[in-house]
Amino acid sequence: MQHAKPLPAYLVERYHEWNDTTYVEKKGLLHKLADEGQHPAAMVIACCDSRVHVTSLFGVDQGDFFLHRNIANLVPPYEPDGGAHGTSAAIEFAVTELKVRRLIVMGHSKCGGVQGCLDMCAGHAPQLEEQSSFVGRWMDALRPGYERVKDMEPGADQSLALEKVGVQVSLENLMTFPFVAERVHSGDLDLHGLWYDIRDGIVECYDAESGEFKGV
């Protein structure tokens, strides 16, 4: 790999600081995880956004969350077509092999992926309509959500609304996976939808009965 370069000095320095402090403090836990394997209680599907720090937000340690991140924290529909499906593979492994008890989809404020979907669906981002756009084709999974917010009154925050609708769409898509639906119906798996305000640090949870997000 001729184009691969050494780590920058500041990252090397931070690693050595971690190795000399945090690793020493948690050596027992890390040895146990290495020797006995992982047994996370929950899987979290979050956004790639660097401002969303899931483990810090919930104060969990290594081994607690099976964490998958993608653009706009989306779950696509179940499509067993023989193609490469990273998010679906992570869900399959978490549910059928790790047998997590909880599956959490967490959206967030100021999501660039969601805004891109809004722009694309409204005809303002032709570059995302190109078949060669990986982001555009990924955001196609959120097009059904756009249909739910496109007729909002002028001045309404469509982006915020679509961020929350995106969580709902992902929860709905999770139930199209047979192995997810089976464990949900048997009571062995709970689904949760969250939305995180990165400015104010507020977390809201989706309430299926009211169809609304409420503060936790």
Protein backbone atom coordinates (compact mmCIF):
# COMPACT_ATOMS: atom_id res chain seq x y z
CA MET A 1 0.00 0.00 0.00
CA GLN A 2 2.18 2.83 -1.27
CA HIS A 3 -0.35 5.52 -0.33
CA ALA A 4 -0.65 4.53 3.34
CA LYS A 5 1.29 6.85 5.62
CA PRO A 6 2.38 6.62 9.28
CA LEU A 7 0.05 8.01 11.92
CA PRO A 8 0.51 11.70 12.70
CA ALA A 9 2.54 12.39 15.82
CA TYR A 10 -0.37 13.73 17.87
CA LEU A 11 -2.30 10.47 17.46
CA VAL A 12 0.74 8.39 18.39
CA GLU A 13 1.19 10.55 21.48
CA ARG A 14 -2.44 10.17 22.49
CA TYR A 15 -2.25 6.40 22.04
CA HIS A 16 0.76 6.15 24.34
CA GLU A 17 -1.02 8.30 26.92
CA TRP A 18 -4.00 5.94 26.75
CA ASN A 19 -1.77 2.87 26.94
CA ASP A 20 0.03 4.22 30.01
CA THR A 21 -3.12 5.25 31.88
CA THR A 22 -6.53 3.98 30.77
CA TYR A 23 -5.27 0.63 29.54
CA VAL A 24 -3.45 0.00 32.81
CA GLU A 25 -6.62 0.86 34.76
CA LYS A 26 -8.83 -1.38 32.60
CA LYS A 27 -6.42 -4.19 31.87
CA GLY A 28 -8.52 -6.71 33.78
CA LEU A 29 -11.67 -5.85 31.83
CA LEU A 30 -9.88 -5.92 28.50
CA HIS A 31 -8.26 -9.28 29.25
CA LYS A 32 -11.68 -10.68 30.19
CA LEU A 33 -13.26 -9.37 26.98
CA ALA A 34 -10.43 -10.82 24.92
CA ASP A 35 -10.51 -14.21 26.63
CA GLU A 36 -14.26 -14.66 27.11
CA GLY A 37 -15.61 -12.75 24.10
CA GLN A 38 -18.15 -9.95 23.94
CA HIS A 39 -21.63 -10.13 25.43
CA PRO A 40 -23.13 -6.67 24.89
CA ALA A 41 -26.63 -6.08 26.19
CA ALA A 42 -27.50 -3.64 23.42
CA MET A 43 -26.78 -2.74 19.82
CA VAL A 44 -26.78 0.96 18.93
CA ILE A 45 -27.17 2.21 15.37
CA ALA A 46 -25.90 5.78 15.32
CA CYS A 47 -24.68 8.34 12.82
CA CYS A 48 -21.09 8.67 11.65
CA ASP A 49 -21.19 12.32 12.75
CA SER A 50 -18.12 13.10 14.86
CA ARG A 51 -20.27 15.11 17.28
CA VAL A 52 -22.24 12.03 18.34
CA HIS A 53 -20.24 10.27 21.06
CA VAL A 54 -22.54 7.40 22.01
CA THR A 55 -20.42 5.63 24.63
CA SER A 56 -19.63 8.90 26.39
CA LEU A 57 -23.27 9.98 26.31
CA PHE A 58 -24.42 6.86 28.18
CA GLY A 59 -21.28 6.38 30.27
CA VAL A 60 -20.74 2.82 29.10
CA ASP A 61 -17.50 0.88 28.95
CA GLN A 62 -15.90 -1.31 26.33
CA GLY A 63 -17.96 -4.44 25.78
CA ASP A 64 -21.29 -2.81 26.71
CA PHE A 65 -22.50 -1.65 23.28
CA PHE A 66 -22.31 -3.34 19.91
CA LEU A 67 -22.03 -0.09 17.98
CA HIS A 68 -22.73 0.42 14.28
CA ARG A 69 -22.47 3.83 12.64
CA ASN A 70 -23.55 4.92 9.19
CA ILE A 71 -24.70 8.08 7.40
CA ALA A 72 -27.85 9.37 9.15
CA ASN A 73 -28.19 6.28 11.38
CA LEU A 74 -30.44 4.54 8.85
CA VAL A 75 -31.69 0.98 8.75
CA PRO A 76 -32.58 -0.07 5.19
CA PRO A 77 -35.38 -2.55 4.48
CA TYR A 78 -34.62 -6.27 4.57
CA GLU A 79 -33.21 -7.11 1.12
CA PRO A 80 -31.70 -10.61 0.89
CA ASP A 81 -30.47 -10.09 -2.67
CA GLY A 82 -26.95 -11.42 -2.30
CA GLY A 83 -25.42 -7.94 -2.31
CA ALA A 84 -23.09 -6.34 0.21
CA HIS A 85 -25.15 -4.86 3.06
CA GLY A 86 -22.99 -3.61 5.93
CA THR A 87 -25.76 -2.36 8.20
CA SER A 88 -27.92 -5.43 7.66
CA ALA A 89 -24.93 -7.67 8.36
CA ALA A 90 -24.27 -5.88 11.64
CA ILE A 91 -27.92 -6.26 12.65
CA GLU A 92 -27.92 -9.95 11.74
CA PHE A 93 -24.79 -10.60 13.79
CA ALA A 94 -26.03 -8.65 16.81
CA VAL A 95 -29.44 -10.31 16.87
CA THR A 96 -28.71 -13.88 15.81
CA GLU A 97 -25.20 -14.40 17.21
CA LEU A 98 -24.73 -11.96 20.08
CA LYS A 99 -28.44 -12.11 20.97
CA VAL A 100 -28.59 -8.54 22.22
CA ARG A 101 -31.60 -7.68 24.35
CA ARG A 102 -32.01 -4.13 23.05
CA LEU A 103 -31.62 -2.53 19.65
CA ILE A 104 -31.39 1.27 19.73
CA VAL A 105 -31.58 3.63 16.74
CA MET A 106 -30.27 7.06 17.66
CA GLY A 107 -30.75 10.11 15.45
CA HIS A 108 -29.43 13.57 16.20
CA SER A 109 -29.83 17.27 15.47
CA LYS A 110 -28.11 19.10 12.60
CA CYS A 111 -27.64 15.84 10.68
CA GLY A 112 -25.93 16.50 7.35
CA GLY A 113 -27.20 13.27 5.85
CA VAL A 114 -30.80 14.13 6.62
CA GLN A 115 -30.35 17.63 5.21
CA GLY A 116 -28.85 16.06 2.09
CA CYS A 117 -31.93 13.86 1.72
CA LEU A 118 -34.18 16.90 2.05
CA ASP A 119 -32.21 18.76 -0.60
CA MET A 120 -32.14 15.73 -2.92
CA CYS A 121 -35.84 14.99 -2.66
CA ALA A 122 -36.72 18.66 -3.15
CA GLY A 123 -34.62 18.78 -6.32
CA HIS A 124 -31.87 21.00 -4.90
CA ALA A 125 -29.03 18.46 -4.92
CA PRO A 126 -28.76 16.94 -8.41
CA GLN A 127 -25.33 15.51 -7.56
CA LEU A 128 -27.00 13.20 -5.06
CA GLU A 129 -29.41 11.96 -7.72
CA GLU A 130 -26.50 10.55 -9.73
CA GLN A 131 -26.32 6.76 -9.66
CA SER A 132 -22.63 7.11 -8.84
CA SER A 133 -23.40 8.91 -5.56
CA PHE A 134 -22.97 6.50 -2.68
CA VAL A 135 -24.51 9.03 -0.29
CA GLY A 136 -27.49 9.64 -2.53
CA ARG A 137 -28.27 5.98 -3.03
CA TRP A 138 -27.91 5.34 0.70
CA MET A 139 -30.26 8.22 1.49
CA ASP A 140 -32.89 6.69 -0.80
CA ALA A 141 -33.86 4.66 2.26
CA LEU A 142 -35.17 7.89 3.78
CA ARG A 143 -37.30 8.94 0.80
CA PRO A 144 -40.46 7.46 2.39
CA GLY A 145 -39.77 9.70 5.38
CA TYR A 146 -39.54 12.76 3.15
CA GLU A 147 -43.07 12.07 1.94
CA ARG A 148 -44.24 12.53 5.54
CA VAL A 149 -42.68 15.98 5.98
CA LYS A 150 -42.71 17.54 2.52
CA ASP A 151 -46.06 19.28 3.03
CA MET A 152 -45.21 20.93 6.35
CA GLU A 153 -46.21 24.57 6.71
CA PRO A 154 -43.73 27.25 5.60
CA GLY A 155 -41.28 28.08 8.36
CA ALA A 156 -41.52 24.65 9.97
CA ASP A 157 -38.24 22.88 10.69
CA GLN A 158 -38.37 20.12 8.09
CA SER A 159 -34.84 18.99 8.85
CA LEU A 160 -35.57 18.38 12.53
CA ALA A 161 -38.83 16.66 11.65
CA LEU A 162 -37.09 14.37 9.15
CA GLU A 163 -34.36 13.53 11.68
CA LYS A 164 -37.05 12.12 13.95
CA VAL A 165 -39.04 10.54 11.13
CA GLY A 166 -35.83 8.86 10.03
CA VAL A 167 -35.64 7.09 13.38
CA GLN A 168 -39.24 5.94 12.94
CA VAL A 169 -38.55 4.69 9.39
CA SER A 170 -35.54 2.75 10.66
CA LEU A 171 -37.59 1.14 13.43
CA GLU A 172 -40.20 0.16 10.86
CA ASN A 173 -37.53 -1.28 8.59
CA LEU A 174 -36.05 -3.28 11.46
CA MET A 175 -39.34 -5.16 11.70
CA THR A 176 -38.97 -6.28 8.06
CA PHE A 177 -36.03 -8.46 9.16
CA PRO A 178 -37.58 -11.85 10.04
CA PHE A 179 -35.05 -12.63 12.78
CA VAL A 180 -35.68 -9.22 14.37
CA ALA A 181 -39.47 -9.51 14.21
CA GLU A 182 -39.34 -13.03 15.64
CA ARG A 183 -37.36 -11.99 18.70
CA VAL A 184 -39.44 -8.85 19.21
CA HIS A 185 -42.66 -10.85 19.16
CA SER A 186 -41.22 -13.46 21.54
CA GLY A 187 -40.22 -10.75 24.00
CA ASP A 188 -36.50 -11.42 23.66
CA LEU A 189 -35.66 -8.14 21.93
CA ASP A 190 -36.78 -4.55 22.55
CA LEU A 191 -36.50 -1.77 19.98
CA HIS A 192 -35.85 1.83 21.00
CA GLY A 193 -35.72 5.08 19.02
CA LEU A 194 -33.78 8.08 20.33
CA TRP A 195 -33.02 11.59 19.12
CA TYR A 196 -30.10 13.56 20.54
CA ASP A 197 -29.76 17.36 20.54
CA ILE A 198 -26.03 17.94 20.15
CA ARG A 199 -26.29 21.60 21.24
CA ASP A 200 -28.31 21.21 24.43
CA GLY A 201 -27.40 17.63 25.35
CA ILE A 202 -31.04 16.53 25.42
CA VAL A 203 -32.06 12.97 24.59
CA GLU A 204 -35.63 12.19 23.55
CA CYS A 205 -37.16 8.73 23.26
CA TYR A 206 -39.80 7.73 20.71
CA ASP A 207 -43.10 6.76 22.29
CA ALA A 208 -44.90 4.38 19.94
CA GLU A 209 -48.32 4.92 21.55
CA SER A 210 -48.37 8.68 21.05
CA GLY A 211 -46.12 8.72 17.99
CA GLU A 212 -44.04 11.46 19.62
CA PHE A 213 -40.53 11.90 20.99
CA LYS A 214 -40.39 12.69 24.70
CA GLY A 215 -37.52 13.67 27.00
CA VAL A 216 -35.97 10.84 28.96
